[in-house]
Amino acid sequence: MIHIVLAEDQAMVRGALSALLSLESDIEVLGSAADGEAAWRELQRLKPDVLVTDIEMPGLTGLELAQRIQRQELPIKVIIVTTFARPGFLRRALDAGVSGYLLKDAPAEHLAEALRTVHRGGRAIDPQLALEAWSEADPLNDRERQVLRLAGEGQSAGDIATRLNLSHGTVRNYLSEAIGKLGVSNRIEAYRLARQKGWL
């Protein structure tokens, strides 16, 4: 049996994925979560073989979950199922040790096959996206990405400094670096471009 945990913030999608996978005789859904922090607790409690996760979720993103699994060297494989057909996301997912990356508009049977492939130690990556992923490098480092994401969500430099336990000047430096690297004129344009490329 392949034991899995689902992490997806949209209740309808989470329910549909769970129902779909429960039809497979060799796959068991041990639990599910609506946000990244809850998913992390479920992973520690249930110890599944595979985590199936979206990228964008409250708390921790799917990529941050994958990074945490990788850092703690947990024997859990990760498959991302997302609407984001962006090469930047795939590159970051691969760097975080993700074994599968599927788009939500792929045929449903692809997910069960991907789970079997990944469980056997293989990879299940959308082939077209895999080709595009290496066409353009992500210029941002993790801290610049974090600060830019919060700025794009409307937080002031002061709010970001408090939240990340940084000085106001350090936050401004990270924003300035990100704007410079992306070749745009302000933080809003930087946020928009980085989102479009899949770097946030």
C-alpha atoms as a PDB file:
ATOM      1  CA  MET A   1       0.000   0.000   0.000  1.00  0.00           C
ATOM      2  CA  ILE A   2       1.046   3.578  -0.689  1.00  0.00           C
ATOM      3  CA  HIS A   3       0.113   5.740   2.299  1.00  0.00           C
ATOM      4  CA  ILE A   4      -0.415   9.421   1.558  1.00  0.00           C
ATOM      5  CA  VAL A   5      -1.303  12.745   3.187  1.00  0.00           C
ATOM      6  CA  LEU A   6      -3.048  15.454   1.130  1.00  0.00           C
ATOM      7  CA  ALA A   7      -2.364  19.166   1.648  1.00  0.00           C
ATOM      8  CA  GLU A   8      -4.715  21.470  -0.281  1.00  0.00           C
ATOM      9  CA  ASP A   9      -6.408  24.653   0.939  1.00  0.00           C
ATOM     10  CA  GLN A  10      -9.471  24.382  -1.321  1.00  0.00           C
ATOM     11  CA  ALA A  11     -11.926  22.026   0.393  1.00  0.00           C
ATOM     12  CA  MET A  12     -13.615  20.890  -2.820  1.00  0.00           C
ATOM     13  CA  VAL A  13     -10.325  20.015  -4.542  1.00  0.00           C
ATOM     14  CA  ARG A  14      -9.060  18.278  -1.393  1.00  0.00           C
ATOM     15  CA  GLY A  15     -12.247  16.207  -1.170  1.00  0.00           C
ATOM     16  CA  ALA A  16     -12.154  15.329  -4.868  1.00  0.00           C
ATOM     17  CA  LEU A  17      -8.506  14.221  -4.719  1.00  0.00           C
ATOM     18  CA  SER A  18      -9.184  12.127  -1.630  1.00  0.00           C
ATOM     19  CA  ALA A  19     -12.246  10.447  -3.206  1.00  0.00           C
ATOM     20  CA  LEU A  20     -10.376   9.814  -6.456  1.00  0.00           C
ATOM     21  CA  LEU A  21      -7.330   8.259  -4.812  1.00  0.00           C
ATOM     22  CA  SER A  22      -9.458   6.151  -2.448  1.00  0.00           C
ATOM     23  CA  LEU A  23     -10.778   4.306  -5.511  1.00  0.00           C
ATOM     24  CA  GLU A  24      -7.285   2.890  -6.111  1.00  0.00           C
ATOM     25  CA  SER A  25      -6.732  -0.479  -4.421  1.00  0.00           C
ATOM     26  CA  ASP A  26      -3.063   0.209  -3.634  1.00  0.00           C
ATOM     27  CA  ILE A  27      -3.391   3.790  -2.305  1.00  0.00           C
ATOM     28  CA  GLU A  28      -4.617   4.823   1.148  1.00  0.00           C
ATOM     29  CA  VAL A  29      -5.266   8.451   2.156  1.00  0.00           C
ATOM     30  CA  LEU A  30      -4.221   8.605   5.824  1.00  0.00           C
ATOM     31  CA  GLY A  31      -5.174  12.245   6.342  1.00  0.00           C
ATOM     32  CA  SER A  32      -5.507  15.685   4.820  1.00  0.00           C
ATOM     33  CA  ALA A  33      -4.847  19.305   5.754  1.00  0.00           C
ATOM     34  CA  ALA A  34      -6.035  22.730   4.594  1.00  0.00           C
ATOM     35  CA  ASP A  35      -2.809  24.612   5.323  1.00  0.00           C
ATOM     36  CA  GLY A  36       0.921  24.036   5.487  1.00  0.00           C
ATOM     37  CA  GLU A  37       1.346  24.024   9.275  1.00  0.00           C
ATOM     38  CA  ALA A  38      -1.498  21.514   9.719  1.00  0.00           C
ATOM     39  CA  ALA A  39       0.040  19.386   6.954  1.00  0.00           C
ATOM     40  CA  TRP A  40       3.394  19.414   8.761  1.00  0.00           C
ATOM     41  CA  ARG A  41       1.719  18.170  11.968  1.00  0.00           C
ATOM     42  CA  GLU A  42      -0.094  15.412  10.003  1.00  0.00           C
ATOM     43  CA  LEU A  43       3.176  14.312   8.389  1.00  0.00           C
ATOM     44  CA  GLN A  44       4.821  13.918  11.787  1.00  0.00           C
ATOM     45  CA  ARG A  45       1.802  12.127  13.261  1.00  0.00           C
ATOM     46  CA  LEU A  46       0.928   9.799  10.369  1.00  0.00           C
ATOM     47  CA  LYS A  47       4.359   9.233   8.748  1.00  0.00           C
ATOM     48  CA  PRO A  48       3.043   8.651   5.204  1.00  0.00           C
ATOM     49  CA  ASP A  49       5.079   7.448   2.217  1.00  0.00           C
ATOM     50  CA  VAL A  50       4.066  10.427   0.075  1.00  0.00           C
ATOM     51  CA  LEU A  51       2.808  13.973   0.583  1.00  0.00           C
ATOM     52  CA  VAL A  52       0.565  15.289  -2.216  1.00  0.00           C
ATOM     53  CA  THR A  53       0.492  19.076  -1.882  1.00  0.00           C
ATOM     54  CA  ASP A  54      -0.500  22.287  -3.603  1.00  0.00           C
ATOM     55  CA  ILE A  55       2.062  25.106  -3.786  1.00  0.00           C
ATOM     56  CA  GLU A  56       0.050  28.096  -2.556  1.00  0.00           C
ATOM     57  CA  MET A  57      -1.372  27.500   0.930  1.00  0.00           C
ATOM     58  CA  PRO A  58      -1.736  29.523   4.127  1.00  0.00           C
ATOM     59  CA  GLY A  59       1.014  29.035   6.715  1.00  0.00           C
ATOM     60  CA  LEU A  60       3.651  27.078   4.842  1.00  0.00           C
ATOM     61  CA  THR A  61       3.620  26.752   1.058  1.00  0.00           C
ATOM     62  CA  GLY A  62       4.014  23.338  -0.560  1.00  0.00           C
ATOM     63  CA  LEU A  63       7.597  24.268  -1.470  1.00  0.00           C
ATOM     64  CA  GLU A  64       8.375  25.237   2.132  1.00  0.00           C
ATOM     65  CA  LEU A  65       6.923  21.907   3.309  1.00  0.00           C
ATOM     66  CA  ALA A  66       9.160  20.062   0.832  1.00  0.00           C
ATOM     67  CA  GLN A  67      12.200  22.033   2.031  1.00  0.00           C
ATOM     68  CA  ARG A  68      11.393  21.177   5.663  1.00  0.00           C
ATOM     69  CA  ILE A  69      11.031  17.467   4.809  1.00  0.00           C
ATOM     70  CA  GLN A  70      14.363  17.615   2.972  1.00  0.00           C
ATOM     71  CA  ARG A  71      16.154  19.467   5.826  1.00  0.00           C
ATOM     72  CA  GLN A  72      14.896  17.008   8.442  1.00  0.00           C
ATOM     73  CA  GLU A  73      15.704  14.063   6.147  1.00  0.00           C
ATOM     74  CA  LEU A  74      12.263  12.518   6.576  1.00  0.00           C
ATOM     75  CA  PRO A  75      11.589   9.450   4.380  1.00  0.00           C
ATOM     76  CA  ILE A  76       8.564  11.129   2.769  1.00  0.00           C
ATOM     77  CA  LYS A  77       8.395  11.746  -0.960  1.00  0.00           C
ATOM     78  CA  VAL A  78       6.611  14.852  -2.253  1.00  0.00           C
ATOM     79  CA  ILE A  79       4.336  15.323  -5.262  1.00  0.00           C
ATOM     80  CA  ILE A  80       3.140  18.831  -6.066  1.00  0.00           C
ATOM     81  CA  VAL A  81      -0.215  19.174  -7.837  1.00  0.00           C
ATOM     82  CA  THR A  82      -0.752  22.770  -8.902  1.00  0.00           C
ATOM     83  CA  THR A  83      -2.274  25.161 -11.401  1.00  0.00           C
ATOM     84  CA  PHE A  84       1.099  26.924 -11.731  1.00  0.00           C
ATOM     85  CA  ALA A  85       2.703  25.883 -15.017  1.00  0.00           C
ATOM     86  CA  ARG A  86       5.705  28.085 -14.277  1.00  0.00           C
ATOM     87  CA  PRO A  87       9.266  26.892 -14.782  1.00  0.00           C
ATOM     88  CA  GLY A  88      10.497  28.871 -11.763  1.00  0.00           C
ATOM     89  CA  PHE A  89       8.226  26.896  -9.427  1.00  0.00           C
ATOM     90  CA  LEU A  90       9.422  23.594 -10.880  1.00  0.00           C
ATOM     91  CA  ARG A  91      13.090  24.536 -10.479  1.00  0.00           C
ATOM     92  CA  ARG A  92      12.531  25.469  -6.848  1.00  0.00           C
ATOM     93  CA  ALA A  93      10.515  22.277  -6.307  1.00  0.00           C
ATOM     94  CA  LEU A  94      13.332  20.126  -7.717  1.00  0.00           C
ATOM     95  CA  ASP A  95      15.870  21.978  -5.546  1.00  0.00           C
ATOM     96  CA  ALA A  96      13.660  21.121  -2.548  1.00  0.00           C
ATOM     97  CA  GLY A  97      13.800  17.406  -3.416  1.00  0.00           C
ATOM     98  CA  VAL A  98      10.281  17.098  -4.857  1.00  0.00           C
ATOM     99  CA  SER A  99       9.786  13.837  -6.799  1.00  0.00           C
ATOM    100  CA  GLY A 100       6.610  14.737  -8.702  1.00  0.00           C
ATOM    101  CA  TYR A 101       5.179  17.889 -10.249  1.00  0.00           C
ATOM    102  CA  LEU A 102       1.784  17.659 -11.955  1.00  0.00           C
ATOM    103  CA  LEU A 103      -0.637  20.267 -13.228  1.00  0.00           C
ATOM    104  CA  LYS A 104      -4.238  20.201 -11.984  1.00  0.00           C
ATOM    105  CA  ASP A 105      -5.575  20.094 -15.531  1.00  0.00           C
ATOM    106  CA  ALA A 106      -3.787  16.780 -16.230  1.00  0.00           C
ATOM    107  CA  PRO A 107      -6.008  13.672 -16.573  1.00  0.00           C
ATOM    108  CA  ALA A 108      -6.978  12.263 -13.153  1.00  0.00           C
ATOM    109  CA  GLU A 109      -5.347   8.858 -13.751  1.00  0.00           C
ATOM    110  CA  HIS A 110      -1.960  10.606 -14.063  1.00  0.00           C
ATOM    111  CA  LEU A 111      -1.904  11.277 -10.324  1.00  0.00           C
ATOM    112  CA  ALA A 112      -2.313   7.620  -9.322  1.00  0.00           C
ATOM    113  CA  GLU A 113       0.392   6.643 -11.836  1.00  0.00           C
ATOM    114  CA  ALA A 114       2.654   9.412 -10.548  1.00  0.00           C
ATOM    115  CA  LEU A 115       2.176   8.154  -6.973  1.00  0.00           C
ATOM    116  CA  ARG A 116       3.208   4.649  -8.002  1.00  0.00           C
ATOM    117  CA  THR A 117       6.235   5.935  -9.928  1.00  0.00           C
ATOM    118  CA  VAL A 118       7.403   8.164  -7.066  1.00  0.00           C
ATOM    119  CA  HIS A 119       6.784   5.434  -4.472  1.00  0.00           C
ATOM    120  CA  ARG A 120       9.064   3.132  -6.495  1.00  0.00           C
ATOM    121  CA  GLY A 121      11.787   5.778  -6.355  1.00  0.00           C
ATOM    122  CA  GLY A 122      11.162   7.403  -9.751  1.00  0.00           C
ATOM    123  CA  ARG A 123      10.176  10.911 -10.774  1.00  0.00           C
ATOM    124  CA  ALA A 124       6.937  12.175 -12.291  1.00  0.00           C
ATOM    125  CA  ILE A 125       7.458  15.611 -13.830  1.00  0.00           C
ATOM    126  CA  ASP A 126       5.395  17.303 -16.538  1.00  0.00           C
ATOM    127  CA  PRO A 127       7.804  16.910 -19.520  1.00  0.00           C
ATOM    128  CA  GLN A 128       7.117  20.253 -21.229  1.00  0.00           C
ATOM    129  CA  LEU A 129       7.588  22.114 -17.984  1.00  0.00           C
ATOM    130  CA  ALA A 130      10.818  20.217 -17.316  1.00  0.00           C
ATOM    131  CA  LEU A 131      12.250  21.529 -20.601  1.00  0.00           C
ATOM    132  CA  GLU A 132      11.246  25.113 -19.858  1.00  0.00           C
ATOM    133  CA  ALA A 133      12.516  25.004 -16.276  1.00  0.00           C
ATOM    134  CA  TRP A 134      16.137  25.328 -17.324  1.00  0.00           C
ATOM    135  CA  SER A 135      15.644  28.208 -19.747  1.00  0.00           C
ATOM    136  CA  GLU A 136      15.909  31.032 -17.203  1.00  0.00           C
ATOM    137  CA  ALA A 137      17.595  31.065 -13.796  1.00  0.00           C
ATOM    138  CA  ASP A 138      15.925  32.481 -10.681  1.00  0.00           C
ATOM    139  CA  PRO A 139      18.053  35.464  -9.575  1.00  0.00           C
ATOM    140  CA  LEU A 140      16.505  35.826  -6.089  1.00  0.00           C
ATOM    141  CA  ASN A 141      17.833  34.304  -2.894  1.00  0.00           C
ATOM    142  CA  ASP A 142      15.458  32.912  -0.237  1.00  0.00           C
ATOM    143  CA  ARG A 143      15.450  36.018   1.952  1.00  0.00           C
ATOM    144  CA  GLU A 144      14.829  38.384  -1.003  1.00  0.00           C
ATOM    145  CA  ARG A 145      11.981  36.138  -2.100  1.00  0.00           C
ATOM    146  CA  GLN A 146      10.445  36.111   1.384  1.00  0.00           C
ATOM    147  CA  VAL A 147      10.642  39.904   1.773  1.00  0.00           C
ATOM    148  CA  LEU A 148       9.327  40.534  -1.750  1.00  0.00           C
ATOM    149  CA  ARG A 149       6.375  38.177  -1.220  1.00  0.00           C
ATOM    150  CA  LEU A 150       5.342  40.033   1.948  1.00  0.00           C
ATOM    151  CA  ALA A 151       5.800  43.416   0.262  1.00  0.00           C
ATOM    152  CA  GLY A 152       3.605  42.231  -2.611  1.00  0.00           C
ATOM    153  CA  GLU A 153       0.929  41.257  -0.099  1.00  0.00           C
ATOM    154  CA  GLY A 154       0.823  44.910   0.964  1.00  0.00           C
ATOM    155  CA  GLN A 155       2.973  44.826   4.092  1.00  0.00           C
ATOM    156  CA  SER A 156       5.175  47.834   4.854  1.00  0.00           C
ATOM    157  CA  ALA A 157       8.930  47.536   5.369  1.00  0.00           C
ATOM    158  CA  GLY A 158       8.313  48.044   9.098  1.00  0.00           C
ATOM    159  CA  ASP A 159       5.742  45.226   9.249  1.00  0.00           C
ATOM    160  CA  ILE A 160       8.074  42.913   7.324  1.00  0.00           C
ATOM    161  CA  ALA A 161      10.982  43.791   9.640  1.00  0.00           C
ATOM    162  CA  THR A 162       8.884  42.919  12.706  1.00  0.00           C
ATOM    163  CA  ARG A 163       7.548  39.704  11.191  1.00  0.00           C
ATOM    164  CA  LEU A 164      10.954  38.410  10.045  1.00  0.00           C
ATOM    165  CA  ASN A 165      12.873  39.771  13.029  1.00  0.00           C
ATOM    166  CA  LEU A 166      15.065  41.986  10.833  1.00  0.00           C
ATOM    167  CA  SER A 167      15.982  45.647  10.986  1.00  0.00           C
ATOM    168  CA  HIS A 168      14.054  48.153   8.862  1.00  0.00           C
ATOM    169  CA  GLY A 169      17.232  48.927   6.882  1.00  0.00           C
ATOM    170  CA  THR A 170      17.915  45.234   6.171  1.00  0.00           C
ATOM    171  CA  VAL A 171      14.407  44.817   4.761  1.00  0.00           C
ATOM    172  CA  ARG A 172      14.927  47.873   2.530  1.00  0.00           C
ATOM    173  CA  ASN A 173      18.241  46.409   1.341  1.00  0.00           C
ATOM    174  CA  TYR A 174      16.619  43.076   0.432  1.00  0.00           C
ATOM    175  CA  LEU A 175      13.849  44.876  -1.482  1.00  0.00           C
ATOM    176  CA  SER A 176      16.385  47.066  -3.254  1.00  0.00           C
ATOM    177  CA  GLU A 177      18.479  44.009  -4.211  1.00  0.00           C
ATOM    178  CA  ALA A 178      15.409  42.200  -5.566  1.00  0.00           C
ATOM    179  CA  ILE A 179      14.309  45.253  -7.590  1.00  0.00           C
ATOM    180  CA  GLY A 180      17.824  45.609  -9.024  1.00  0.00           C
ATOM    181  CA  LYS A 181      18.171  41.927  -9.913  1.00  0.00           C
ATOM    182  CA  LEU A 182      14.804  41.931 -11.688  1.00  0.00           C
ATOM    183  CA  GLY A 183      15.575  45.147 -13.576  1.00  0.00           C
ATOM    184  CA  VAL A 184      12.350  46.916 -12.592  1.00  0.00           C
ATOM    185  CA  SER A 185      11.698  50.272 -10.950  1.00  0.00           C
ATOM    186  CA  ASN A 186       9.730  49.427  -7.788  1.00  0.00           C
ATOM    187  CA  ARG A 187       8.630  46.666  -5.420  1.00  0.00           C
ATOM    188  CA  ILE A 188       5.191  46.226  -7.056  1.00  0.00           C
ATOM    189  CA  GLU A 189       6.737  45.576 -10.473  1.00  0.00           C
ATOM    190  CA  ALA A 190       9.312  43.300  -8.858  1.00  0.00           C
ATOM    191  CA  TYR A 191       6.571  41.299  -7.116  1.00  0.00           C
ATOM    192  CA  ARG A 192       4.501  41.060 -10.307  1.00  0.00           C
ATOM    193  CA  LEU A 193       7.444  39.904 -12.447  1.00  0.00           C
ATOM    194  CA  ALA A 194       8.683  37.393  -9.877  1.00  0.00           C
ATOM    195  CA  ARG A 195       5.163  35.916  -9.561  1.00  0.00           C
ATOM    196  CA  GLN A 196       4.797  35.684 -13.308  1.00  0.00           C
ATOM    197  CA  LYS A 197       8.115  33.825 -13.596  1.00  0.00           C
ATOM    198  CA  GLY A 198       7.274  31.471 -10.738  1.00  0.00           C
ATOM    199  CA  TRP A 199      10.083  32.757  -8.523  1.00  0.00           C
ATOM    200  CA  LEU A 200       7.854  33.605  -5.547  1.00  0.00           C
END
